[in-house]
Amino acid sequence: MVVVEVYTSMWCPFCHRAKKLLKDKGVDFNEIDVGMGGKTRQEMLDRAEGRYTVPQIFIDNVGIGGSDELASLDQNGQLNLMLGL
């Protein structure tokens, strides 16, 4: 089973779009809210190699980027392969 982690912020429409795509596929994911900053925001920055925008999405510890990258992977069929679907 793959592990999907999504760093999000409550106000972010791109986060909602990414989460909807994953939910529509029936994918369980861990949502990590970085809206208040602190150590979760720093953890995201470290893992995402300095990228500070949300969402930041990781599939099995591989950073794939944000909502646009997730949608692109879905459109070309790679997302299903990465998720084992």
N, C-alpha and C. Protein backbone atom coordinates (compact mmCIF):
# COMPACT_ATOMS: atom_id res chain seq x y z
N MET A 1 0.84 -1.18 0.00
CA MET A 1 0.00 0.00 0.00
C MET A 1 0.88 1.24 0.00
N VAL A 2 0.57 2.18 -0.87
CA VAL A 2 1.35 3.40 -0.95
C VAL A 2 0.93 4.37 0.15
N VAL A 3 1.88 5.20 0.55
CA VAL A 3 1.61 6.22 1.55
C VAL A 3 1.57 7.57 0.84
N VAL A 4 0.45 8.25 0.99
CA VAL A 4 0.27 9.56 0.36
C VAL A 4 0.13 10.60 1.47
N GLU A 5 0.95 11.64 1.37
CA GLU A 5 0.91 12.73 2.34
C GLU A 5 0.68 14.04 1.59
N VAL A 6 -0.22 14.85 2.12
CA VAL A 6 -0.55 16.11 1.48
C VAL A 6 -0.43 17.23 2.51
N TYR A 7 0.52 18.11 2.30
CA TYR A 7 0.67 19.30 3.15
C TYR A 7 -0.30 20.35 2.60
N THR A 8 -1.17 20.84 3.48
CA THR A 8 -2.24 21.73 3.04
C THR A 8 -2.37 22.95 3.95
N SER A 9 -3.26 23.81 3.52
CA SER A 9 -3.71 24.93 4.34
C SER A 9 -5.22 25.06 4.10
N MET A 10 -5.95 25.35 5.12
CA MET A 10 -7.41 25.36 5.06
C MET A 10 -7.96 26.29 3.98
N TRP A 11 -7.34 27.42 3.78
CA TRP A 11 -7.85 28.43 2.86
C TRP A 11 -7.48 28.20 1.40
N CYS A 12 -6.68 27.20 1.13
CA CYS A 12 -6.08 27.03 -0.20
C CYS A 12 -6.99 26.27 -1.17
N PRO A 13 -7.45 26.92 -2.26
CA PRO A 13 -8.31 26.22 -3.22
C PRO A 13 -7.57 25.11 -3.97
N PHE A 14 -6.26 25.27 -4.18
CA PHE A 14 -5.50 24.23 -4.85
C PHE A 14 -5.40 22.97 -3.99
N CYS A 15 -5.35 23.16 -2.68
CA CYS A 15 -5.34 22.03 -1.75
C CYS A 15 -6.65 21.27 -1.85
N HIS A 16 -7.75 22.00 -1.90
CA HIS A 16 -9.07 21.36 -2.01
C HIS A 16 -9.17 20.58 -3.32
N ARG A 17 -8.64 21.14 -4.39
CA ARG A 17 -8.67 20.46 -5.69
C ARG A 17 -7.86 19.17 -5.66
N ALA A 18 -6.67 19.23 -5.08
CA ALA A 18 -5.83 18.03 -5.00
C ALA A 18 -6.48 16.96 -4.13
N LYS A 19 -7.02 17.36 -2.99
CA LYS A 19 -7.67 16.39 -2.10
C LYS A 19 -8.88 15.76 -2.77
N LYS A 20 -9.63 16.55 -3.52
CA LYS A 20 -10.80 16.01 -4.23
C LYS A 20 -10.37 14.96 -5.25
N LEU A 21 -9.33 15.24 -6.00
CA LEU A 21 -8.85 14.28 -6.99
C LEU A 21 -8.48 12.96 -6.31
N LEU A 22 -7.76 13.04 -5.20
CA LEU A 22 -7.36 11.82 -4.49
C LEU A 22 -8.58 11.10 -3.90
N LYS A 23 -9.51 11.85 -3.32
CA LYS A 23 -10.71 11.23 -2.75
C LYS A 23 -11.55 10.57 -3.84
N ASP A 24 -11.68 11.22 -4.99
CA ASP A 24 -12.45 10.65 -6.10
C ASP A 24 -11.86 9.33 -6.58
N LYS A 25 -10.55 9.16 -6.41
CA LYS A 25 -9.89 7.91 -6.76
C LYS A 25 -9.95 6.89 -5.63
N GLY A 26 -10.50 7.29 -4.49
CA GLY A 26 -10.59 6.39 -3.35
C GLY A 26 -9.27 6.20 -2.62
N VAL A 27 -8.39 7.18 -2.74
CA VAL A 27 -7.06 7.10 -2.14
C VAL A 27 -7.09 7.68 -0.73
N ASP A 28 -6.62 6.90 0.23
CA ASP A 28 -6.43 7.40 1.59
C ASP A 28 -5.14 8.22 1.62
N PHE A 29 -5.18 9.33 2.33
CA PHE A 29 -3.97 10.15 2.44
C PHE A 29 -3.92 10.80 3.80
N ASN A 30 -2.71 11.12 4.21
CA ASN A 30 -2.49 11.85 5.45
C ASN A 30 -2.43 13.33 5.11
N GLU A 31 -3.32 14.11 5.71
CA GLU A 31 -3.32 15.55 5.49
C GLU A 31 -2.59 16.22 6.64
N ILE A 32 -1.64 17.07 6.30
CA ILE A 32 -0.84 17.77 7.30
C ILE A 32 -1.07 19.27 7.08
N ASP A 33 -1.74 19.90 8.02
CA ASP A 33 -2.08 21.32 7.91
C ASP A 33 -0.88 22.18 8.33
N VAL A 34 -0.42 23.00 7.41
CA VAL A 34 0.72 23.88 7.70
C VAL A 34 0.28 25.34 7.81
N GLY A 35 -1.02 25.56 7.88
CA GLY A 35 -1.56 26.91 7.88
C GLY A 35 -1.11 27.78 9.03
N MET A 36 -0.79 27.18 10.15
CA MET A 36 -0.36 27.95 11.32
C MET A 36 1.16 28.06 11.42
N GLY A 37 1.86 27.55 10.41
CA GLY A 37 3.32 27.63 10.44
C GLY A 37 3.91 26.62 11.39
N GLY A 38 4.97 27.03 12.07
CA GLY A 38 5.60 26.16 13.06
C GLY A 38 6.37 25.02 12.45
N LYS A 39 6.50 23.95 13.23
CA LYS A 39 7.37 22.85 12.82
C LYS A 39 6.82 22.07 11.64
N THR A 40 5.47 22.01 11.47
CA THR A 40 4.95 21.29 10.30
C THR A 40 5.28 22.04 9.01
N ARG A 41 5.26 23.35 9.04
CA ARG A 41 5.63 24.14 7.86
C ARG A 41 7.11 23.93 7.55
N GLN A 42 7.96 23.93 8.57
CA GLN A 42 9.39 23.71 8.37
C GLN A 42 9.66 22.31 7.84
N GLU A 43 8.92 21.33 8.35
CA GLU A 43 9.06 19.96 7.85
C GLU A 43 8.73 19.90 6.37
N MET A 44 7.66 20.58 5.96
CA MET A 44 7.29 20.61 4.55
C MET A 44 8.39 21.26 3.72
N LEU A 45 8.90 22.40 4.18
CA LEU A 45 9.97 23.09 3.45
C LEU A 45 11.19 22.20 3.27
N ASP A 46 11.54 21.48 4.32
CA ASP A 46 12.70 20.58 4.25
C ASP A 46 12.45 19.46 3.25
N ARG A 47 11.29 18.84 3.33
CA ARG A 47 10.98 17.71 2.45
C ARG A 47 10.79 18.15 1.00
N ALA A 48 10.22 19.34 0.81
CA ALA A 48 9.91 19.82 -0.53
C ALA A 48 11.05 20.64 -1.13
N GLU A 49 12.22 20.53 -0.54
CA GLU A 49 13.42 21.20 -1.04
C GLU A 49 13.21 22.70 -1.22
N GLY A 50 12.57 23.31 -0.21
CA GLY A 50 12.39 24.75 -0.20
C GLY A 50 11.13 25.27 -0.85
N ARG A 51 10.39 24.40 -1.53
CA ARG A 51 9.12 24.86 -2.11
C ARG A 51 8.17 25.19 -0.97
N TYR A 52 7.58 26.36 -1.00
CA TYR A 52 6.77 26.83 0.12
C TYR A 52 5.28 26.91 -0.18
N THR A 53 4.89 26.65 -1.41
CA THR A 53 3.48 26.71 -1.75
C THR A 53 2.78 25.42 -1.35
N VAL A 54 1.49 25.54 -1.09
CA VAL A 54 0.69 24.36 -0.79
C VAL A 54 -0.34 24.18 -1.90
N PRO A 55 -0.70 22.92 -2.16
CA PRO A 55 -0.26 21.74 -1.44
C PRO A 55 1.12 21.28 -1.90
N GLN A 56 1.76 20.52 -1.05
CA GLN A 56 2.94 19.75 -1.43
C GLN A 56 2.55 18.29 -1.19
N ILE A 57 2.70 17.48 -2.23
CA ILE A 57 2.19 16.12 -2.21
C ILE A 57 3.35 15.14 -2.33
N PHE A 58 3.30 14.12 -1.48
CA PHE A 58 4.32 13.08 -1.47
C PHE A 58 3.65 11.72 -1.62
N ILE A 59 4.18 10.93 -2.53
CA ILE A 59 3.70 9.56 -2.71
C ILE A 59 4.88 8.65 -2.43
N ASP A 60 4.74 7.84 -1.38
CA ASP A 60 5.84 6.99 -0.91
C ASP A 60 7.14 7.77 -0.77
N ASN A 61 7.05 8.91 -0.09
CA ASN A 61 8.19 9.77 0.21
C ASN A 61 8.81 10.46 -1.00
N VAL A 62 8.16 10.38 -2.14
CA VAL A 62 8.64 11.07 -3.33
C VAL A 62 7.79 12.32 -3.53
N GLY A 63 8.44 13.47 -3.51
CA GLY A 63 7.72 14.73 -3.72
C GLY A 63 7.33 14.87 -5.17
N ILE A 64 6.03 15.04 -5.41
CA ILE A 64 5.58 15.19 -6.79
C ILE A 64 5.21 16.64 -7.11
N GLY A 65 5.19 17.50 -6.10
CA GLY A 65 4.86 18.90 -6.31
C GLY A 65 3.48 19.22 -5.79
N GLY A 66 2.78 20.08 -6.52
CA GLY A 66 1.49 20.56 -6.05
C GLY A 66 0.32 20.04 -6.85
N SER A 67 -0.75 20.79 -6.81
CA SER A 67 -2.01 20.40 -7.44
C SER A 67 -1.88 20.27 -8.96
N ASP A 68 -1.19 21.20 -9.59
CA ASP A 68 -1.03 21.13 -11.05
C ASP A 68 -0.25 19.90 -11.46
N GLU A 69 0.80 19.58 -10.72
CA GLU A 69 1.60 18.40 -11.04
C GLU A 69 0.79 17.12 -10.82
N LEU A 70 -0.02 17.10 -9.76
CA LEU A 70 -0.88 15.95 -9.50
C LEU A 70 -1.86 15.75 -10.64
N ALA A 71 -2.48 16.84 -11.10
CA ALA A 71 -3.44 16.76 -12.21
C ALA A 71 -2.75 16.30 -13.49
N SER A 72 -1.55 16.78 -13.73
CA SER A 72 -0.80 16.37 -14.92
C SER A 72 -0.49 14.88 -14.89
N LEU A 73 -0.05 14.40 -13.72
CA LEU A 73 0.21 12.96 -13.58
C LEU A 73 -1.06 12.16 -13.81
N ASP A 74 -2.19 12.67 -13.37
CA ASP A 74 -3.46 11.98 -13.57
C ASP A 74 -3.82 11.95 -15.05
N GLN A 75 -3.66 13.07 -15.72
CA GLN A 75 -4.03 13.16 -17.13
C GLN A 75 -3.21 12.24 -18.02
N ASN A 76 -1.94 12.04 -17.67
CA ASN A 76 -1.12 11.18 -18.53
C ASN A 76 -1.05 9.73 -18.04
N GLY A 77 -1.84 9.40 -17.01
CA GLY A 77 -1.94 8.01 -16.55
C GLY A 77 -0.89 7.58 -15.56
N GLN A 78 0.09 8.42 -15.28
CA GLN A 78 1.15 8.03 -14.36
C GLN A 78 0.69 7.98 -12.91
N LEU A 79 -0.30 8.79 -12.56
CA LEU A 79 -0.75 8.82 -11.17
C LEU A 79 -1.30 7.47 -10.74
N ASN A 80 -2.12 6.86 -11.58
CA ASN A 80 -2.66 5.54 -11.23
C ASN A 80 -1.56 4.53 -11.01
N LEU A 81 -0.52 4.59 -11.82
CA LEU A 81 0.61 3.67 -11.65
C LEU A 81 1.31 3.93 -10.32
N MET A 82 1.53 5.19 -10.00
CA MET A 82 2.21 5.54 -8.74
C MET A 82 1.39 5.12 -7.53
N LEU A 83 0.06 5.16 -7.67
CA LEU A 83 -0.83 4.82 -6.57
C LEU A 83 -1.18 3.34 -6.52
N GLY A 84 -0.74 2.61 -7.53
CA GLY A 84 -1.05 1.18 -7.58
C GLY A 84 -2.51 0.90 -7.91
N LEU A 85 -3.11 1.76 -8.71
CA LEU A 85 -4.53 1.59 -9.07
C LEU A 85 -4.67 0.94 -10.43
